[in-house]
Amino acid sequence: MADAGPNGYGYGDWDGTGTGNRDGDGDEDGKGRRIELSEVPETLLWNLYMRAAEARRARTVLADPKAVELVDRIDYPFEETFGAPSPLLAQGHALRVRTFDTAVRAFLDEHPDGTVVTLAEGLETQYWRVDNGRARWLCVELPETAEVRRSLLPDEERRRTLARSALDLSWRDEVDPAHGVLITAQGLLMYLRPTEVKDLIAGCAERFRGGALVFDAVPRWFSARTLRGEMRTAQGYQAPPMPWGMDAGELPKVRTAHPAITDVREVPPPRGRGFYYGALAPVMRWLPAVRNLRPTMTAIARFS
C-alpha cells in the first residue's frame, strides 16, 4: 500500500494522490463492509488479495489467516478488478512480505519493548503474524485509508493507527524512541517523487538515531513502465505510476540522504516453492546481468 501519489511524475537519482470513499454498510465488526478506493490507495486491496490467495494454499509460504478473514469480510469485487490470483504473483508478494516479517522479528528479538512504525501499510496484517506481546505499533496512514483500517482492524492498547501522511514528519512526535525504533515502508516509496523519498529517509535518520528503516524499491525499468501506463491487468486495472525506481547497484546512494545513515544493504527473501522461487530467484541478486530483472527488492538502512 502506498501513502500518496505525486503531483508530477519522474524518476531518477536523488535530485501521491489517491481518492476514494467508503460506504459504512455492514455490521459493527466489518462483516460485508463495502470499500471503495481508487488510484494509489486501492493498491492496499490488491496487496491484501495476493496475501490471502497465497495463504489459502495447502503448502503456503505465508501463514496469514487474518488476511483471509479480511478478504472474506470485505464487500469488494476483488476478482472482477484484479483478475483471478496468479499463483506466481501471489507467492512473490508473500515472499516479499515475509522478508519484512523477518526484519521485524529480528528487531523485536533485540528490542522486545521497542516500537514498530509502519508507514502506509494499508491492510497489512503483520502485527498478527509477528507481534511479541510487548512491543508498541504505530501505523501512519492517510486519513481515508486510516478510516478503512480502523473500521476493519480497530486500534488496541499497543497498536494504533495515526491519520497522517508519512510525508508529514510530525508523525515522529508520536513515537517514543526509548526502547528502540524500527520503521517499515512496505509498498510506499515507489509512489513518491525521488526528492520526497530522500526527505522521508533523511527525516527518519535524523530523529531515530540507532534505529533502522526497512523499505522496498522497484527497478528503473519497472518504474518507467508504470509511468507509461503499461502495467495493466486483463480486467483493465492499471497500476498507479511509480515515479521512484532504484536499481540494485544503486543502494549505496541511499546513504547520501543523511550523515546518520551508516549502512544500507539488501534483505534477501526466503526461498519459495517451485523452480523460480526455490532455485532461480535466490541467486539472481548475486548476478549483475539479471539482478535488476526482479520486480522488487527489499533493503534496510541503519542509523547511527
Protein backbone atom coordinates (compact mmCIF):
# COMPACT_ATOMS: atom_id res chain seq x y z
CA MET A 1 0.00 0.00 0.00
CA ALA A 2 1.24 3.45 -0.80
CA ASP A 3 0.87 6.70 1.02
CA ALA A 4 0.29 9.28 -1.69
CA GLY A 5 0.92 9.68 -5.35
CA PRO A 6 2.95 12.64 -6.61
CA ASN A 7 1.60 15.70 -8.32
CA GLY A 8 4.19 15.39 -11.05
CA TYR A 9 5.94 12.29 -12.27
CA GLY A 10 9.57 11.48 -12.90
CA TYR A 11 12.18 9.06 -11.68
CA GLY A 12 15.92 9.12 -11.33
CA ASP A 13 18.65 9.96 -8.86
CA TRP A 14 18.22 12.00 -5.71
CA ASP A 15 17.63 15.25 -7.26
CA GLY A 16 0.54 10.97 -4.31
CA THR A 17 -2.76 11.47 -4.69
CA GLY A 18 -5.41 8.80 -4.06
CA THR A 19 -9.08 9.50 -3.99
CA GLY A 20 -11.96 7.38 -2.90
CA ASN A 21 -14.70 6.87 -0.39
CA ARG A 22 -16.05 4.19 1.86
CA ASP A 23 -19.63 3.23 2.44
CA GLY A 24 -20.23 2.34 6.06
CA ASP A 25 -22.59 -0.50 5.17
CA GLY A 26 -22.02 -3.62 7.22
CA ASP A 27 -22.30 -4.55 10.86
CA GLU A 28 -20.01 -3.31 13.61
CA ASP A 29 -17.38 -5.99 13.14
CA GLY A 30 -16.98 -5.11 9.47
CA LYS A 31 -19.00 -8.02 8.09
CA GLY A 32 -19.83 -7.29 4.48
CA ARG A 33 -18.26 -3.84 4.70
CA ARG A 34 -18.13 -2.13 1.35
CA ILE A 35 -14.87 -0.42 0.46
CA GLU A 36 -14.38 1.92 -2.47
CA LEU A 37 -10.92 3.28 -3.14
CA SER A 38 -9.14 4.41 -6.28
CA GLU A 39 -5.66 5.13 -7.63
CA VAL A 40 -2.84 4.58 -5.13
CA PRO A 41 -4.97 3.74 -2.04
CA GLU A 42 -6.66 0.95 -3.99
CA THR A 43 -3.35 -0.92 -4.05
CA LEU A 44 -3.94 -1.87 -0.41
CA LEU A 45 -6.73 -4.15 -1.64
CA TRP A 46 -4.51 -5.76 -4.29
CA ASN A 47 -1.86 -6.45 -1.65
CA LEU A 48 -4.43 -7.98 0.69
CA TYR A 49 -5.91 -10.07 -2.13
CA MET A 50 -2.49 -11.51 -3.06
CA ARG A 51 -1.60 -12.36 0.54
CA ALA A 52 -4.91 -14.07 1.15
CA ALA A 53 -4.66 -16.03 -2.10
CA GLU A 54 -1.26 -17.39 -1.11
CA ALA A 55 -2.33 -18.01 2.49
CA ARG A 56 -5.20 -20.24 1.30
CA ARG A 57 -2.79 -22.68 -0.37
CA ALA A 58 -2.11 -26.01 1.34
CA ARG A 59 1.68 -25.52 1.05
CA THR A 60 1.65 -21.79 1.60
CA VAL A 61 4.82 -19.74 2.08
CA LEU A 62 2.89 -17.28 4.27
CA ALA A 63 0.50 -18.25 7.05
CA ASP A 64 -1.83 -15.24 7.20
CA PRO A 65 -5.29 -16.20 8.46
CA LYS A 66 -6.09 -12.56 9.24
CA ALA A 67 -5.70 -11.64 5.56
CA VAL A 68 -8.05 -14.47 4.57
CA GLU A 69 -10.56 -13.28 7.15
CA LEU A 70 -10.45 -9.70 5.81
CA VAL A 71 -10.96 -10.71 2.19
CA ASP A 72 -13.96 -12.79 3.25
CA ARG A 73 -15.40 -9.87 5.26
CA ILE A 74 -14.92 -7.06 2.75
CA ASP A 75 -17.55 -6.34 0.12
CA TYR A 76 -15.29 -5.58 -2.85
CA PRO A 77 -15.08 -7.09 -6.36
CA PHE A 78 -11.56 -8.45 -5.96
CA GLU A 79 -11.58 -10.87 -8.89
CA GLU A 80 -13.52 -8.55 -11.19
CA THR A 81 -11.00 -5.77 -10.53
CA PHE A 82 -7.70 -7.61 -10.30
CA GLY A 83 -8.44 -10.90 -12.04
CA ALA A 84 -8.00 -14.40 -10.68
CA PRO A 85 -4.96 -14.53 -8.40
CA SER A 86 -1.80 -15.52 -10.25
CA PRO A 87 -0.03 -18.19 -8.17
CA LEU A 88 3.34 -16.80 -9.28
CA LEU A 89 2.48 -13.20 -8.36
CA ALA A 90 0.79 -14.19 -5.11
CA GLN A 91 3.76 -16.24 -3.98
CA GLY A 92 6.20 -13.50 -4.95
CA HIS A 93 4.22 -10.93 -2.99
CA ALA A 94 4.02 -13.25 0.01
CA LEU A 95 7.77 -13.82 -0.03
CA ARG A 96 8.37 -10.08 -0.07
CA VAL A 97 6.05 -9.77 2.93
CA ARG A 98 7.98 -12.49 4.73
CA THR A 99 11.18 -10.54 4.10
CA PHE A 100 9.70 -7.64 6.06
CA ASP A 101 8.47 -10.06 8.74
CA THR A 102 11.99 -11.40 9.16
CA ALA A 103 13.39 -7.91 9.68
CA VAL A 104 10.69 -7.03 12.22
CA ARG A 105 11.19 -10.29 14.13
CA ALA A 106 14.95 -9.63 14.31
CA PHE A 107 14.26 -6.17 15.71
CA LEU A 108 11.82 -7.49 18.29
CA ASP A 109 14.29 -10.16 19.38
CA GLU A 110 16.78 -7.39 20.17
CA HIS A 111 14.26 -4.78 21.34
CA PRO A 112 11.26 -6.65 22.78
CA ASP A 113 9.75 -3.44 24.19
CA GLY A 114 10.55 -1.34 21.14
CA THR A 115 8.26 0.47 18.72
CA VAL A 116 7.46 -0.61 15.17
CA VAL A 117 6.30 2.24 12.95
CA THR A 118 4.59 1.09 9.77
CA LEU A 119 4.28 3.78 7.12
CA ALA A 120 1.27 3.38 4.85
CA GLU A 121 0.78 -0.33 5.42
CA GLY A 122 -2.88 -0.23 4.41
CA LEU A 123 -4.50 -3.53 5.40
CA GLU A 124 -1.23 -5.27 6.10
CA THR A 125 -1.68 -7.83 8.89
CA GLN A 126 1.93 -8.14 10.02
CA TYR A 127 1.03 -7.40 13.63
CA TRP A 128 -0.95 -10.66 13.82
CA ARG A 129 1.93 -12.63 12.32
CA VAL A 130 4.93 -11.36 14.30
CA ASP A 131 3.86 -9.40 17.40
CA ASN A 132 5.63 -10.48 20.59
CA GLY A 133 3.00 -9.30 23.08
CA ARG A 134 5.16 -6.40 24.34
CA ALA A 135 6.09 -4.05 21.51
CA ARG A 136 4.23 -0.88 20.50
CA TRP A 137 2.94 -0.49 16.96
CA LEU A 138 2.10 2.77 15.20
CA CYS A 139 0.54 2.69 11.74
CA VAL A 140 0.77 6.01 9.86
CA GLU A 141 -1.93 6.26 7.18
CA LEU A 142 -3.60 8.87 5.01
CA PRO A 143 -6.95 9.83 6.57
CA GLU A 144 -9.07 7.88 4.06
CA THR A 145 -7.06 4.68 4.44
CA ALA A 146 -6.79 5.18 8.20
CA GLU A 147 -10.60 5.18 8.31
CA VAL A 148 -10.72 1.91 6.38
CA ARG A 149 -8.06 0.31 8.55
CA ARG A 150 -9.67 1.34 11.84
CA SER A 151 -13.07 0.09 10.70
CA LEU A 152 -11.69 -3.38 9.93
CA LEU A 153 -8.76 -3.55 12.36
CA PRO A 154 -9.74 -1.43 15.39
CA ASP A 155 -6.95 0.03 17.50
CA GLU A 156 -5.77 -1.86 20.56
CA GLU A 157 -3.75 -0.91 23.63
CA ARG A 158 -0.37 -1.48 21.98
CA ARG A 159 -1.37 -0.89 18.35
CA ARG A 160 -2.90 2.25 16.92
CA THR A 161 -3.42 3.99 13.60
CA LEU A 162 -2.48 7.64 13.10
CA ALA A 163 -4.31 9.50 10.32
CA ARG A 164 -1.45 11.44 8.78
CA SER A 165 0.63 11.39 5.64
CA ALA A 166 4.02 9.74 6.01
CA LEU A 167 5.42 12.85 4.32
CA ASP A 168 4.18 14.97 7.24
CA LEU A 169 7.09 14.27 9.53
CA SER A 170 5.16 15.39 12.59
CA TRP A 171 4.23 11.71 12.98
CA ARG A 172 7.68 11.31 14.51
CA ASP A 173 6.46 13.20 17.58
CA GLU A 174 4.07 10.31 18.28
CA VAL A 175 6.93 7.80 18.67
CA ASP A 176 8.71 7.04 21.94
CA PRO A 177 12.28 6.05 20.97
CA ALA A 178 13.31 4.94 24.46
CA HIS A 179 13.30 1.21 23.71
CA GLY A 180 14.32 1.25 20.06
CA VAL A 181 12.50 2.08 16.83
CA LEU A 182 12.10 0.20 13.56
CA ILE A 183 10.29 1.88 10.67
CA THR A 184 8.88 -0.05 7.74
CA ALA A 185 7.84 1.36 4.37
CA GLN A 186 6.39 -1.58 2.50
CA GLY A 187 4.99 -0.68 -0.91
CA LEU A 188 5.32 3.05 -0.30
CA LEU A 189 8.46 4.73 -1.60
CA MET A 190 7.99 3.86 -5.26
CA TYR A 191 4.86 6.03 -5.35
CA LEU A 192 6.73 9.13 -4.19
CA ARG A 193 8.92 11.62 -6.03
CA PRO A 194 12.67 11.00 -5.67
CA THR A 195 13.06 14.17 -3.57
CA GLU A 196 10.23 13.03 -1.30
CA VAL A 197 11.88 9.66 -0.83
CA LYS A 198 15.14 11.30 0.14
CA ASP A 199 13.47 13.70 2.56
CA LEU A 200 11.48 10.92 4.23
CA ILE A 201 14.54 8.71 4.70
CA ALA A 202 16.56 11.68 5.98
CA GLY A 203 13.77 12.58 8.41
CA CYS A 204 13.81 9.06 9.85
CA ALA A 205 17.59 9.00 10.17
CA GLU A 206 17.68 12.42 11.83
CA ARG A 207 15.13 11.64 14.53
CA PHE A 208 15.63 7.94 15.27
CA ARG A 209 19.32 7.52 15.96
CA GLY A 210 20.20 3.88 16.48
CA GLY A 211 17.07 2.83 14.63
CA ALA A 212 16.52 1.47 11.15
CA LEU A 213 14.22 1.69 8.13
CA VAL A 214 13.14 -1.33 6.11
CA PHE A 215 11.85 -0.46 2.64
CA ASP A 216 11.32 -1.91 -0.80
CA ALA A 217 12.03 -0.49 -4.24
CA VAL A 218 11.22 -1.32 -7.84
CA PRO A 219 13.92 -1.21 -10.54
CA ARG A 220 14.05 1.66 -13.01
CA TRP A 221 12.57 -0.34 -15.88
CA PHE A 222 9.54 -1.23 -13.76
CA SER A 223 9.07 2.38 -12.70
CA ALA A 224 9.28 3.53 -16.32
CA ARG A 225 6.62 1.05 -17.44
CA THR A 226 4.18 2.31 -14.81
CA LEU A 227 4.78 5.88 -15.91
CA ARG A 228 3.88 4.88 -19.46
CA GLY A 229 0.70 3.15 -18.23
CA GLU A 230 1.89 -0.28 -19.38
CA MET A 231 1.17 -2.22 -16.18
CA ARG A 232 -2.44 -3.28 -16.66
CA THR A 233 -4.39 -6.45 -15.89
CA ALA A 234 -6.64 -8.21 -18.39
CA GLN A 235 -9.61 -6.80 -16.45
CA GLY A 236 -8.35 -3.27 -17.09
CA TYR A 237 -6.93 -2.44 -13.66
CA GLN A 238 -3.89 -0.21 -14.16
CA ALA A 239 -1.15 0.05 -11.59
CA PRO A 240 -0.63 3.65 -10.43
CA PRO A 241 2.51 5.48 -11.61
CA MET A 242 5.64 4.75 -9.60
CA PRO A 243 8.00 7.70 -10.07
CA TRP A 244 10.82 6.40 -7.88
CA GLY A 245 12.83 3.49 -9.20
CA MET A 246 16.21 2.26 -7.99
CA ASP A 247 18.37 -0.49 -9.41
CA ALA A 248 20.12 -2.91 -7.08
CA GLY A 249 23.54 -1.41 -7.72
CA GLU A 250 22.31 1.99 -6.56
CA LEU A 251 21.63 1.03 -2.94
CA PRO A 252 24.74 2.88 -1.67
CA LYS A 253 23.15 6.14 -2.85
CA VAL A 254 20.64 5.86 -0.01
CA ARG A 255 23.45 6.70 2.42
CA THR A 256 23.74 10.16 0.88
CA ALA A 257 20.30 11.08 2.20
CA HIS A 258 21.67 11.83 5.68
CA PRO A 259 25.04 11.52 7.51
CA ALA A 260 23.43 9.35 10.21
CA ILE A 261 22.82 6.51 7.72
CA THR A 262 25.67 4.12 8.40
CA ASP A 263 24.71 1.04 6.41
CA VAL A 264 22.33 0.10 3.62
CA ARG A 265 22.03 -3.46 2.41
CA GLU A 266 19.58 -5.73 0.66
CA VAL A 267 17.47 -8.11 2.73
CA PRO A 268 17.13 -11.35 0.75
CA PRO A 269 13.73 -13.02 0.56
CA PRO A 270 13.31 -16.62 1.74
CA ARG A 271 13.17 -19.47 -0.73
CA GLY A 272 9.76 -20.41 -2.02
CA ARG A 273 8.07 -23.18 -3.98
CA GLY A 274 8.93 -24.26 -7.48
CA PHE A 275 11.95 -23.67 -9.70
CA TYR A 276 11.75 -19.87 -9.94
CA TYR A 277 11.29 -19.01 -6.25
CA GLY A 278 13.03 -22.10 -4.96
CA ALA A 279 16.16 -22.05 -7.12
CA LEU A 280 16.43 -19.17 -9.60
CA ALA A 281 15.24 -16.09 -7.69
CA PRO A 282 17.53 -16.66 -4.67
CA VAL A 283 20.65 -16.45 -6.84
CA MET A 284 19.54 -13.63 -9.17
CA ARG A 285 20.53 -10.96 -6.64
CA TRP A 286 24.15 -12.06 -6.98
CA LEU A 287 24.24 -11.81 -10.78
CA PRO A 288 24.71 -8.22 -12.05
CA ALA A 289 23.40 -9.10 -15.51
CA VAL A 290 19.99 -10.19 -14.23
CA ARG A 291 19.53 -8.86 -10.69
CA ASN A 292 17.55 -5.85 -11.92
CA LEU A 293 15.07 -8.10 -13.73
CA ARG A 294 13.49 -8.76 -10.36
CA PRO A 295 10.36 -6.62 -9.96
CA THR A 296 11.23 -5.57 -6.42
CA MET A 297 13.91 -5.74 -3.75
CA THR A 298 13.86 -5.13 -0.01
CA ALA A 299 16.59 -3.28 1.88
CA ILE A 300 17.39 -2.00 5.36
CA ALA A 301 19.04 1.31 6.20
CA ARG A 302 20.59 1.57 9.67
CA PHE A 303 21.11 4.81 11.55
CA SER A 304 23.96 5.73 13.89
